């Protein structure tokens, strides 16, 4: 899959270094796997959830939430946001 906006991952990793290895692991797995459906993605990431048209991943033992728009037919993952669990729970990301 082609991941767009890796800079968001790198910036979050700098701010929260305890999540950096989990973020890098997520990146490597997604980069080297061509998921063709949400079901295929769930086989690799069982905790991934659909929220409207977006997919939400739990990262680093639920320390962070990665929100992405995934276009399976184009093999692209657009990272919309990555938030701490507390930031995600506030729900302000839904209004963006």
PDB file of N, CA and C in Angstrom:
ATOM      1  N   UNK A   1       0.846  -1.179   0.000  1.00  0.00           N
ATOM      2  CA  UNK A   1       0.000   0.000   0.000  1.00  0.00           C
ATOM      3  C   UNK A   1       0.892   1.242   0.000  1.00  0.00           C
ATOM      4  N   UNK A   2       0.411   2.252  -0.644  1.00  0.00           N
ATOM      5  CA  UNK A   2       1.114   3.532  -0.663  1.00  0.00           C
ATOM      6  C   UNK A   2       0.541   4.385   0.475  1.00  0.00           C
ATOM      7  N   UNK A   3       1.384   4.794   1.397  1.00  0.00           N
ATOM      8  CA  UNK A   3       0.949   5.561   2.567  1.00  0.00           C
ATOM      9  C   UNK A   3       1.245   7.034   2.338  1.00  0.00           C
ATOM     10  N   UNK A   4       0.199   7.831   2.407  1.00  0.00           N
ATOM     11  CA  UNK A   4       0.343   9.265   2.152  1.00  0.00           C
ATOM     12  C   UNK A   4       0.289  10.011   3.474  1.00  0.00           C
ATOM     13  N   UNK A   5       1.256  10.883   3.631  1.00  0.00           N
ATOM     14  CA  UNK A   5       1.434  11.730   4.811  1.00  0.00           C
ATOM     15  C   UNK A   5       2.177  10.991   5.923  1.00  0.00           C
ATOM     16  N   UNK A   6       3.259  10.332   5.559  1.00  0.00           N
ATOM     17  CA  UNK A   6       4.088   9.668   6.582  1.00  0.00           C
ATOM     18  C   UNK A   6       4.634  10.682   7.588  1.00  0.00           C
ATOM     19  N   UNK A   7       4.754  11.939   7.160  1.00  0.00           N
ATOM     20  CA  UNK A   7       5.266  12.975   8.042  1.00  0.00           C
ATOM     21  C   UNK A   7       4.446  13.059   9.333  1.00  0.00           C
ATOM     22  N   UNK A   8       3.153  12.827   9.245  1.00  0.00           N
ATOM     23  CA  UNK A   8       2.317  12.846  10.451  1.00  0.00           C
ATOM     24  C   UNK A   8       2.764  11.771  11.438  1.00  0.00           C
ATOM     25  N   UNK A   9       3.138  10.618  10.916  1.00  0.00           N
ATOM     26  CA  UNK A   9       3.634   9.540  11.783  1.00  0.00           C
ATOM     27  C   UNK A   9       4.943   9.937  12.441  1.00  0.00           C
ATOM     28  N   UNK A  10       5.840  10.506  11.643  1.00  0.00           N
ATOM     29  CA  UNK A  10       7.144  10.903  12.173  1.00  0.00           C
ATOM     30  C   UNK A  10       7.010  12.007  13.224  1.00  0.00           C
ATOM     31  N   UNK A  11       6.145  12.975  12.957  1.00  0.00           N
ATOM     32  CA  UNK A  11       5.934  14.066  13.918  1.00  0.00           C
ATOM     33  C   UNK A  11       5.348  13.543  15.231  1.00  0.00           C
ATOM     34  N   UNK A  12       4.381  12.640  15.134  1.00  0.00           N
ATOM     35  CA  UNK A  12       3.779  12.075  16.339  1.00  0.00           C
ATOM     36  C   UNK A  12       4.817  11.265  17.115  1.00  0.00           C
ATOM     37  N   UNK A  13       5.658  10.515  16.400  1.00  0.00           N
ATOM     38  CA  UNK A  13       6.702   9.716  17.055  1.00  0.00           C
ATOM     39  C   UNK A  13       7.696  10.586  17.810  1.00  0.00           C
ATOM     40  N   UNK A  14       7.981  11.768  17.278  1.00  0.00           N
ATOM     41  CA  UNK A  14       8.886  12.687  17.976  1.00  0.00           C
ATOM     42  C   UNK A  14       8.243  13.219  19.256  1.00  0.00           C
ATOM     43  N   UNK A  15       6.941  13.503  19.197  1.00  0.00           N
ATOM     44  CA  UNK A  15       6.240  14.032  20.374  1.00  0.00           C
ATOM     45  C   UNK A  15       5.984  12.957  21.422  1.00  0.00           C
ATOM     46  N   UNK A  16       5.767  11.716  20.968  1.00  0.00           N
ATOM     47  CA  UNK A  16       5.457  10.597  21.866  1.00  0.00           C
ATOM     48  C   UNK A  16       6.380   9.421  21.538  1.00  0.00           C
ATOM     49  N   UNK A  17       7.647   9.485  21.985  1.00  0.00           N
ATOM     50  CA  UNK A  17       8.620   8.451  21.630  1.00  0.00           C
ATOM     51  C   UNK A  17       8.263   7.050  22.120  1.00  0.00           C
ATOM     52  N   UNK A  18       7.416   6.944  23.135  1.00  0.00           N
ATOM     53  CA  UNK A  18       7.027   5.620  23.615  1.00  0.00           C
ATOM     54  C   UNK A  18       6.142   4.882  22.602  1.00  0.00           C
ATOM     55  N   UNK A  19       5.618   5.591  21.616  1.00  0.00           N
ATOM     56  CA  UNK A  19       4.793   4.979  20.563  1.00  0.00           C
ATOM     57  C   UNK A  19       5.564   4.756  19.266  1.00  0.00           C
ATOM     58  N   UNK A  20       6.793   5.233  19.188  1.00  0.00           N
ATOM     59  CA  UNK A  20       7.509   5.223  17.913  1.00  0.00           C
ATOM     60  C   UNK A  20       7.734   3.823  17.343  1.00  0.00           C
ATOM     61  N   UNK A  21       8.070   2.846  18.165  1.00  0.00           N
ATOM     62  CA  UNK A  21       8.305   1.500  17.626  1.00  0.00           C
ATOM     63  C   UNK A  21       6.999   0.878  17.118  1.00  0.00           C
ATOM     64  N   UNK A  22       5.893   1.126  17.813  1.00  0.00           N
ATOM     65  CA  UNK A  22       4.600   0.600  17.360  1.00  0.00           C
ATOM     66  C   UNK A  22       4.166   1.275  16.059  1.00  0.00           C
ATOM     67  N   UNK A  23       4.407   2.568  15.927  1.00  0.00           N
ATOM     68  CA  UNK A  23       4.061   3.286  14.700  1.00  0.00           C
ATOM     69  C   UNK A  23       4.907   2.783  13.542  1.00  0.00           C
ATOM     70  N   UNK A  24       6.187   2.593  13.785  1.00  0.00           N
ATOM     71  CA  UNK A  24       7.077   2.087  12.725  1.00  0.00           C
ATOM     72  C   UNK A  24       6.675   0.682  12.308  1.00  0.00           C
ATOM     73  N   UNK A  25       6.279  -0.140  13.248  1.00  0.00           N
ATOM     74  CA  UNK A  25       5.823  -1.496  12.938  1.00  0.00           C
ATOM     75  C   UNK A  25       4.552  -1.446  12.087  1.00  0.00           C
ATOM     76  N   UNK A  26       3.589  -0.608  12.460  1.00  0.00           N
ATOM     77  CA  UNK A  26       2.365  -0.448  11.680  1.00  0.00           C
ATOM     78  C   UNK A  26       2.709  -0.016  10.259  1.00  0.00           C
ATOM     79  N   UNK A  27       3.589   0.977  10.154  1.00  0.00           N
ATOM     80  CA  UNK A  27       3.988   1.498   8.839  1.00  0.00           C
ATOM     81  C   UNK A  27       4.579   0.388   7.962  1.00  0.00           C
ATOM     82  N   UNK A  28       5.521  -0.371   8.509  1.00  0.00           N
ATOM     83  CA  UNK A  28       6.164  -1.441   7.720  1.00  0.00           C
ATOM     84  C   UNK A  28       5.155  -2.487   7.253  1.00  0.00           C
ATOM     85  N   UNK A  29       4.257  -2.889   8.133  1.00  0.00           N
ATOM     86  CA  UNK A  29       3.265  -3.901   7.769  1.00  0.00           C
ATOM     87  C   UNK A  29       2.357  -3.391   6.652  1.00  0.00           C
ATOM     88  N   UNK A  30       1.831  -2.184   6.821  1.00  0.00           N
ATOM     89  CA  UNK A  30       0.900  -1.644   5.822  1.00  0.00           C
ATOM     90  C   UNK A  30       1.617  -1.359   4.505  1.00  0.00           C
ATOM     91  N   UNK A  31       2.814  -0.840   4.578  1.00  0.00           N
ATOM     92  CA  UNK A  31       3.580  -0.506   3.364  1.00  0.00           C
ATOM     93  C   UNK A  31       3.829  -1.748   2.500  1.00  0.00           C
ATOM     94  N   UNK A  32       4.061  -2.884   3.116  1.00  0.00           N
ATOM     95  CA  UNK A  32       4.435  -4.093   2.382  1.00  0.00           C
ATOM     96  C   UNK A  32       3.287  -5.074   2.181  1.00  0.00           C
ATOM     97  N   UNK A  33       2.048  -4.631   2.440  1.00  0.00           N
ATOM     98  CA  UNK A  33       0.897  -5.508   2.258  1.00  0.00           C
ATOM     99  C   UNK A  33      -0.139  -4.787   1.403  1.00  0.00           C
ATOM    100  N   UNK A  34      -0.655  -5.459   0.386  1.00  0.00           N
ATOM    101  CA  UNK A  34      -1.722  -4.896  -0.439  1.00  0.00           C
ATOM    102  C   UNK A  34      -3.057  -5.465   0.019  1.00  0.00           C
ATOM    103  N   UNK A  35      -3.728  -4.739   0.885  1.00  0.00           N
ATOM    104  CA  UNK A  35      -5.041  -5.155   1.358  1.00  0.00           C
ATOM    105  C   UNK A  35      -6.061  -4.854   0.265  1.00  0.00           C
ATOM    106  N   UNK A  36      -6.951  -5.804   0.000  1.00  0.00           N
ATOM    107  CA  UNK A  36      -7.959  -5.572  -1.030  1.00  0.00           C
ATOM    108  C   UNK A  36      -9.352  -5.333  -0.451  1.00  0.00           C
ATOM    109  N   UNK A  37      -9.468  -5.416   0.876  1.00  0.00           N
ATOM    110  CA  UNK A  37     -10.762  -5.179   1.522  1.00  0.00           C
ATOM    111  C   UNK A  37     -10.542  -4.940   3.011  1.00  0.00           C
ATOM    112  N   UNK A  38     -11.598  -4.454   3.670  1.00  0.00           N
ATOM    113  CA  UNK A  38     -11.525  -4.259   5.113  1.00  0.00           C
ATOM    114  C   UNK A  38     -11.365  -5.594   5.825  1.00  0.00           C
ATOM    115  N   UNK A  39     -11.985  -6.634   5.297  1.00  0.00           N
ATOM    116  CA  UNK A  39     -11.867  -7.971   5.908  1.00  0.00           C
ATOM    117  C   UNK A  39     -10.414  -8.442   5.888  1.00  0.00           C
ATOM    118  N   UNK A  40      -9.720  -8.208   4.779  1.00  0.00           N
ATOM    119  CA  UNK A  40      -8.301  -8.583   4.687  1.00  0.00           C
ATOM    120  C   UNK A  40      -7.467  -7.767   5.666  1.00  0.00           C
ATOM    121  N   UNK A  41      -7.796  -6.506   5.809  1.00  0.00           N
ATOM    122  CA  UNK A  41      -7.089  -5.645   6.751  1.00  0.00           C
ATOM    123  C   UNK A  41      -7.313  -6.127   8.182  1.00  0.00           C
ATOM    124  N   UNK A  42      -8.550  -6.508   8.510  1.00  0.00           N
ATOM    125  CA  UNK A  42      -8.873  -6.988   9.853  1.00  0.00           C
ATOM    126  C   UNK A  42      -8.157  -8.288  10.192  1.00  0.00           C
ATOM    127  N   UNK A  43      -7.812  -9.087   9.184  1.00  0.00           N
ATOM    128  CA  UNK A  43      -7.064 -10.316   9.434  1.00  0.00           C
ATOM    129  C   UNK A  43      -5.689  -9.990  10.014  1.00  0.00           C
ATOM    130  N   UNK A  44      -5.122  -8.861   9.590  1.00  0.00           N
ATOM    131  CA  UNK A  44      -3.809  -8.427  10.087  1.00  0.00           C
ATOM    132  C   UNK A  44      -3.942  -7.528  11.309  1.00  0.00           C
ATOM    133  N   UNK A  45      -4.947  -6.672  11.316  1.00  0.00           N
ATOM    134  CA  UNK A  45      -5.178  -5.721  12.406  1.00  0.00           C
ATOM    135  C   UNK A  45      -6.581  -5.949  12.982  1.00  0.00           C
ATOM    136  N   UNK A  46      -6.740  -6.947  13.856  1.00  0.00           N
ATOM    137  CA  UNK A  46      -8.078  -7.288  14.371  1.00  0.00           C
ATOM    138  C   UNK A  46      -8.774  -6.166  15.148  1.00  0.00           C
ATOM    139  N   UNK A  47      -8.014  -5.229  15.674  1.00  0.00           N
ATOM    140  CA  UNK A  47      -8.640  -4.158  16.452  1.00  0.00           C
ATOM    141  C   UNK A  47      -9.032  -2.953  15.593  1.00  0.00           C
ATOM    142  N   UNK A  48      -8.781  -3.012  14.288  1.00  0.00           N
ATOM    143  CA  UNK A  48      -9.158  -1.910  13.400  1.00  0.00           C
ATOM    144  C   UNK A  48     -10.681  -1.811  13.336  1.00  0.00           C
ATOM    145  N   UNK A  49     -11.177  -0.584  13.334  1.00  0.00           N
ATOM    146  CA  UNK A  49     -12.623  -0.344  13.288  1.00  0.00           C
ATOM    147  C   UNK A  49     -12.966   0.614  12.161  1.00  0.00           C
ATOM    148  N   UNK A  50     -14.145   0.418  11.587  1.00  0.00           N
ATOM    149  CA  UNK A  50     -14.677   1.362  10.607  1.00  0.00           C
ATOM    150  C   UNK A  50     -15.488   2.402  11.366  1.00  0.00           C
ATOM    151  N   UNK A  51     -15.217   3.667  11.088  1.00  0.00           N
ATOM    152  CA  UNK A  51     -15.987   4.773  11.643  1.00  0.00           C
ATOM    153  C   UNK A  51     -16.387   5.631  10.446  1.00  0.00           C
ATOM    154  N   UNK A  52     -17.578   5.413   9.959  1.00  0.00           N
ATOM    155  CA  UNK A  52     -18.001   6.069   8.724  1.00  0.00           C
ATOM    156  C   UNK A  52     -17.157   5.546   7.575  1.00  0.00           C
ATOM    157  N   UNK A  53     -16.556   6.462   6.835  1.00  0.00           N
ATOM    158  CA  UNK A  53     -15.691   6.069   5.712  1.00  0.00           C
ATOM    159  C   UNK A  53     -14.235   5.915   6.129  1.00  0.00           C
ATOM    160  N   UNK A  54     -13.953   6.104   7.405  1.00  0.00           N
ATOM    161  CA  UNK A  54     -12.581   6.052   7.903  1.00  0.00           C
ATOM    162  C   UNK A  54     -12.312   4.744   8.636  1.00  0.00           C
ATOM    163  N   UNK A  55     -11.031   4.423   8.753  1.00  0.00           N
ATOM    164  CA  UNK A  55     -10.594   3.260   9.518  1.00  0.00           C
ATOM    165  C   UNK A  55      -9.746   3.764  10.677  1.00  0.00           C
ATOM    166  N   UNK A  56     -10.023   3.242  11.871  1.00  0.00           N
ATOM    167  CA  UNK A  56      -9.295   3.656  13.069  1.00  0.00           C
ATOM    168  C   UNK A  56      -8.495   2.464  13.583  1.00  0.00           C
ATOM    169  N   UNK A  57      -7.185   2.687  13.767  1.00  0.00           N
ATOM    170  CA  UNK A  57      -6.273   1.662  14.270  1.00  0.00           C
ATOM    171  C   UNK A  57      -5.863   2.008  15.695  1.00  0.00           C
ATOM    172  N   UNK A  58      -5.805   1.004  16.554  1.00  0.00           N
ATOM    173  CA  UNK A  58      -5.218   1.163  17.883  1.00  0.00           C
ATOM    174  C   UNK A  58      -3.726   0.903  17.743  1.00  0.00           C
ATOM    175  N   UNK A  59      -2.921   1.826  18.210  1.00  0.00           N
ATOM    176  CA  UNK A  59      -1.471   1.732  18.051  1.00  0.00           C
ATOM    177  C   UNK A  59      -0.823   1.689  19.430  1.00  0.00           C
ATOM    178  N   UNK A  60       0.161   0.838  19.576  1.00  0.00           N
ATOM    179  CA  UNK A  60       0.964   0.810  20.800  1.00  0.00           C
ATOM    180  C   UNK A  60       0.182   0.422  22.031  1.00  0.00           C
ATOM    181  N   UNK A  61      -0.576  -0.647  21.946  1.00  0.00           N
ATOM    182  CA  UNK A  61      -1.334  -1.086  23.110  1.00  0.00           C
ATOM    183  C   UNK A  61      -2.391  -0.081  23.524  1.00  0.00           C
ATOM    184  N   UNK A  62      -3.018   0.544  22.523  1.00  0.00           N
ATOM    185  CA  UNK A  62      -4.100   1.504  22.745  1.00  0.00           C
ATOM    186  C   UNK A  62      -3.609   2.851  23.258  1.00  0.00           C
ATOM    187  N   UNK A  63      -2.322   3.148  23.111  1.00  0.00           N
ATOM    188  CA  UNK A  63      -1.798   4.453  23.522  1.00  0.00           C
ATOM    189  C   UNK A  63      -2.175   5.538  22.515  1.00  0.00           C
ATOM    190  N   UNK A  64      -2.309   5.146  21.247  1.00  0.00           N
ATOM    191  CA  UNK A  64      -2.597   6.106  20.185  1.00  0.00           C
ATOM    192  C   UNK A  64      -3.640   5.530  19.242  1.00  0.00           C
ATOM    193  N   UNK A  65      -4.291   6.429  18.515  1.00  0.00           N
ATOM    194  CA  UNK A  65      -5.272   6.038  17.502  1.00  0.00           C
ATOM    195  C   UNK A  65      -4.859   6.679  16.184  1.00  0.00           C
ATOM    196  N   UNK A  66      -4.746   5.850  15.166  1.00  0.00           N
ATOM    197  CA  UNK A  66      -4.416   6.325  13.842  1.00  0.00           C
ATOM    198  C   UNK A  66      -5.690   6.288  13.008  1.00  0.00           C
ATOM    199  N   UNK A  67      -6.054   7.420  12.424  1.00  0.00           N
ATOM    200  CA  UNK A  67      -7.274   7.544  11.641  1.00  0.00           C
ATOM    201  C   UNK A  67      -6.871   7.695  10.178  1.00  0.00           C
ATOM    202  N   UNK A  68      -7.399   6.806   9.333  1.00  0.00           N
ATOM    203  CA  UNK A  68      -6.990   6.803   7.927  1.00  0.00           C
ATOM    204  C   UNK A  68      -8.181   6.573   7.003  1.00  0.00           C
ATOM    205  N   UNK A  69      -8.064   7.131   5.819  1.00  0.00           N
ATOM    206  CA  UNK A  69      -9.000   6.829   4.733  1.00  0.00           C
ATOM    207  C   UNK A  69      -8.257   5.852   3.829  1.00  0.00           C
ATOM    208  N   UNK A  70      -8.839   4.697   3.614  1.00  0.00           N
ATOM    209  CA  UNK A  70      -8.164   3.664   2.821  1.00  0.00           C
ATOM    210  C   UNK A  70      -8.932   3.446   1.530  1.00  0.00           C
ATOM    211  N   UNK A  71      -8.211   3.551   0.428  1.00  0.00           N
ATOM    212  CA  UNK A  71      -8.778   3.295  -0.899  1.00  0.00           C
ATOM    213  C   UNK A  71      -8.179   1.970  -1.383  1.00  0.00           C
ATOM    214  N   UNK A  72      -8.915   0.903  -1.130  1.00  0.00           N
ATOM    215  CA  UNK A  72      -8.410  -0.444  -1.424  1.00  0.00           C
ATOM    216  C   UNK A  72      -8.153  -0.641  -2.914  1.00  0.00           C
ATOM    217  N   UNK A  73      -9.010  -0.083  -3.779  1.00  0.00           N
ATOM    218  CA  UNK A  73      -8.837  -0.269  -5.219  1.00  0.00           C
ATOM    219  C   UNK A  73      -7.583   0.428  -5.744  1.00  0.00           C
ATOM    220  N   UNK A  74      -7.184   1.529  -5.133  1.00  0.00           N
ATOM    221  CA  UNK A  74      -5.982   2.260  -5.550  1.00  0.00           C
ATOM    222  C   UNK A  74      -4.765   1.894  -4.703  1.00  0.00           C
ATOM    223  N   UNK A  75      -4.955   1.060  -3.686  1.00  0.00           N
ATOM    224  CA  UNK A  75      -3.878   0.644  -2.771  1.00  0.00           C
ATOM    225  C   UNK A  75      -3.217   1.854  -2.110  1.00  0.00           C
ATOM    226  N   UNK A  76      -4.068   2.766  -1.613  1.00  0.00           N
ATOM    227  CA  UNK A  76      -3.563   3.965  -0.952  1.00  0.00           C
ATOM    228  C   UNK A  76      -4.174   4.114   0.428  1.00  0.00           C
ATOM    229  N   UNK A  77      -3.330   4.567   1.366  1.00  0.00           N
ATOM    230  CA  UNK A  77      -3.767   4.859   2.730  1.00  0.00           C
ATOM    231  C   UNK A  77      -3.456   6.331   2.983  1.00  0.00           C
ATOM    232  N   UNK A  78      -4.495   7.106   3.224  1.00  0.00           N
ATOM    233  CA  UNK A  78      -4.341   8.526   3.524  1.00  0.00           C
ATOM    234  C   UNK A  78      -4.476   8.699   5.037  1.00  0.00           C
ATOM    235  N   UNK A  79      -3.386   9.070   5.684  1.00  0.00           N
ATOM    236  CA  UNK A  79      -3.419   9.256   7.132  1.00  0.00           C
ATOM    237  C   UNK A  79      -4.073  10.599   7.420  1.00  0.00           C
ATOM    238  N   UNK A  80      -5.222  10.531   8.036  1.00  0.00           N
ATOM    239  CA  UNK A  80      -5.962  11.752   8.357  1.00  0.00           C
ATOM    240  C   UNK A  80      -5.457  12.362   9.645  1.00  0.00           C
ATOM    241  N   UNK A  81      -5.195  11.497  10.645  1.00  0.00           N
ATOM    242  CA  UNK A  81      -4.740  12.006  11.939  1.00  0.00           C
ATOM    243  C   UNK A  81      -4.173  10.866  12.761  1.00  0.00           C
ATOM    244  N   UNK A  82      -3.336  11.203  13.704  1.00  0.00           N
ATOM    245  CA  UNK A  82      -2.887  10.257  14.717  1.00  0.00           C
ATOM    246  C   UNK A  82      -2.944  11.015  16.038  1.00  0.00           C
ATOM    247  N   UNK A  83      -3.640  10.408  16.985  1.00  0.00           N
ATOM    248  CA  UNK A  83      -3.952  11.085  18.241  1.00  0.00           C
ATOM    249  C   UNK A  83      -3.655  10.187  19.426  1.00  0.00           C
ATOM    250  N   UNK A  84      -3.450  10.817  20.575  1.00  0.00           N
ATOM    251  CA  UNK A  84      -3.378  10.023  21.799  1.00  0.00           C
ATOM    252  C   UNK A  84      -4.786   9.498  22.066  1.00  0.00           C
ATOM    253  N   UNK A  85      -4.877   8.525  22.934  1.00  0.00           N
ATOM    254  CA  UNK A  85      -6.184   7.952  23.262  1.00  0.00           C
ATOM    255  C   UNK A  85      -7.112   9.027  23.837  1.00  0.00           C
ATOM    256  N   UNK A  86      -6.581   9.892  24.682  1.00  0.00           N
ATOM    257  CA  UNK A  86      -7.389  10.960  25.293  1.00  0.00           C
ATOM    258  C   UNK A  86      -7.875  11.957  24.237  1.00  0.00           C
ATOM    259  N   UNK A  87      -7.008  12.335  23.303  1.00  0.00           N
ATOM    260  CA  UNK A  87      -7.407  13.253  22.229  1.00  0.00           C
ATOM    261  C   UNK A  87      -8.507  12.631  21.365  1.00  0.00           C
ATOM    262  N   UNK A  88      -8.364  11.359  21.073  1.00  0.00           N
ATOM    263  CA  UNK A  88      -9.347  10.651  20.257  1.00  0.00           C
ATOM    264  C   UNK A  88     -10.710  10.640  20.960  1.00  0.00           C
ATOM    265  N   UNK A  89     -10.707  10.370  22.259  1.00  0.00           N
ATOM    266  CA  UNK A  89     -11.957  10.284  23.014  1.00  0.00           C
ATOM    267  C   UNK A  89     -12.720  11.606  23.064  1.00  0.00           C
ATOM    268  N   UNK A  90     -12.008  12.731  22.940  1.00  0.00           N
ATOM    269  CA  UNK A  90     -12.696  14.033  22.920  1.00  0.00           C
ATOM    270  C   UNK A  90     -13.599  14.161  21.694  1.00  0.00           C
ATOM    271  N   UNK A  91     -13.255  13.461  20.608  1.00  0.00           N
ATOM    272  CA  UNK A  91     -14.102  13.423  19.422  1.00  0.00           C
ATOM    273  C   UNK A  91     -14.003  14.603  18.481  1.00  0.00           C
ATOM    274  N   UNK A  92     -13.105  15.546  18.734  1.00  0.00           N
ATOM    275  CA  UNK A  92     -13.009  16.706  17.857  1.00  0.00           C
ATOM    276  C   UNK A  92     -12.504  16.346  16.461  1.00  0.00           C
ATOM    277  N   UNK A  93     -11.850  15.213  16.316  1.00  0.00           N
ATOM    278  CA  UNK A  93     -11.356  14.775  15.003  1.00  0.00           C
ATOM    279  C   UNK A  93     -12.506  14.509  14.032  1.00  0.00           C
ATOM    280  N   UNK A  94     -13.690  14.228  14.540  1.00  0.00           N
ATOM    281  CA  UNK A  94     -14.843  13.941  13.672  1.00  0.00           C
ATOM    282  C   UNK A  94     -15.330  15.193  12.928  1.00  0.00           C
ATOM    283  N   UNK A  95     -15.044  16.372  13.462  1.00  0.00           N
ATOM    284  CA  UNK A  95     -15.511  17.595  12.827  1.00  0.00           C
ATOM    285  C   UNK A  95     -14.565  18.132  11.757  1.00  0.00           C
ATOM    286  N   UNK A  96     -13.420  17.538  11.591  1.00  0.00           N
ATOM    287  CA  UNK A  96     -12.438  18.034  10.603  1.00  0.00           C
ATOM    288  C   UNK A  96     -12.906  17.741   9.207  1.00  0.00           C
TER     289      UNK A  96
END
